[in-house]
Protein backbone atom coordinates (compact mmCIF):
# COMPACT_ATOMS: atom_id res chain seq x y z
CA MET A 1 18.61 -8.28 -6.47
CA LEU A 2 15.41 -9.81 -5.16
CA CYS A 3 16.86 -10.02 -1.62
CA ILE A 4 17.67 -6.32 -1.71
CA THR A 5 14.08 -5.53 -2.68
CA ILE A 6 12.55 -7.87 -0.11
CA PHE A 7 14.71 -6.74 2.81
CA ASN A 8 14.80 -3.04 1.90
CA PHE A 9 12.37 -2.12 4.69
CA ILE A 10 14.71 -3.67 7.27
CA ARG A 11 17.64 -1.69 5.89
CA ILE A 12 15.65 1.56 6.00
CA TYR A 13 14.43 0.83 9.55
CA VAL A 14 17.97 0.23 10.82
CA ILE A 15 19.35 3.31 9.05
CA GLU A 16 16.61 5.57 10.43
CA HIS A 17 16.40 4.28 13.99
CA LEU A 18 20.00 3.29 14.71
CA ASN A 19 21.76 5.91 12.53
CA VAL A 20 24.03 3.34 10.90
CA TYR A 21 25.81 4.27 7.69
CA PRO A 22 25.02 2.13 4.62
CA VAL A 23 28.72 1.32 4.20
CA ALA A 24 28.66 -0.32 7.63
CA PHE A 25 26.21 -2.93 6.37
CA PHE A 26 28.87 -4.22 3.99
CA GLU A 27 31.25 -4.57 6.93
CA LEU A 28 28.62 -6.46 8.91
CA PHE A 29 27.94 -8.71 5.91
CA LEU A 30 31.66 -9.51 5.65
CA GLY A 31 31.76 -10.41 9.32
CA LEU A 32 28.72 -12.65 9.14
CA ALA A 33 29.87 -14.28 5.91
CA SER A 34 33.32 -15.07 7.29
CA PHE A 35 31.77 -16.45 10.49
CA VAL A 36 29.45 -18.72 8.50
CA CYS A 37 32.30 -19.88 6.25
CA GLY A 38 34.46 -20.60 9.29
CA ILE A 39 31.72 -22.61 10.98
CA TYR A 40 31.13 -24.51 7.73
CA GLY A 41 34.84 -25.32 7.56
CA ILE A 42 34.85 -26.50 11.16
CA LEU A 43 31.85 -28.76 10.55
CA LYS A 44 33.42 -30.20 7.39
CA ARG A 45 36.75 -30.70 9.22
CA VAL A 46 38.66 -28.85 6.49
CA ASN A 47 41.88 -27.28 7.81
CA LEU A 48 40.63 -26.71 11.35
CA LEU A 49 43.14 -24.02 12.30
CA ASN A 50 42.22 -21.81 9.34
CA SER A 51 38.52 -22.44 9.88
CA ILE A 52 38.77 -21.41 13.52
CA LEU A 53 40.74 -18.28 12.59
CA VAL A 54 38.19 -17.31 9.93
CA SER A 55 35.27 -17.76 12.31
CA LEU A 56 37.05 -15.76 15.02
CA LEU A 57 37.78 -13.01 12.51
CA GLY A 58 34.08 -12.93 11.65
CA VAL A 59 33.15 -12.60 15.32
CA LEU A 60 35.70 -9.81 15.78
CA ILE A 61 34.34 -7.93 12.77
CA CYS A 62 30.80 -8.19 14.17
CA VAL A 63 31.97 -7.02 17.61
CA PHE A 64 33.80 -4.13 15.93
CA PHE A 65 30.56 -3.24 14.13
CA VAL A 66 28.65 -3.15 17.42
CA PHE A 67 31.25 -1.06 19.26
CA VAL A 68 31.91 1.42 16.46
CA TYR A 69 28.46 1.90 14.92
CA LEU A 70 25.83 0.93 17.48
CA LEU A 71 27.16 1.92 20.90
CA PRO A 72 28.15 5.60 20.43
């Protein structure tokens, strides 16, 4: 809850200036979280194939966010 309060001004700035829907932030968070988890799995050498797939999925979700919400 504290992070939401601290970073609220960033959320409002992005919504006002880039016209991004609030639901899209959840999608971006999922992409970044899966990318971080995949990189963590790669660094820990835990099931490398799954870790690579999870990190690639995170990158694809972030690219999808850019092409769908930021470019048009």
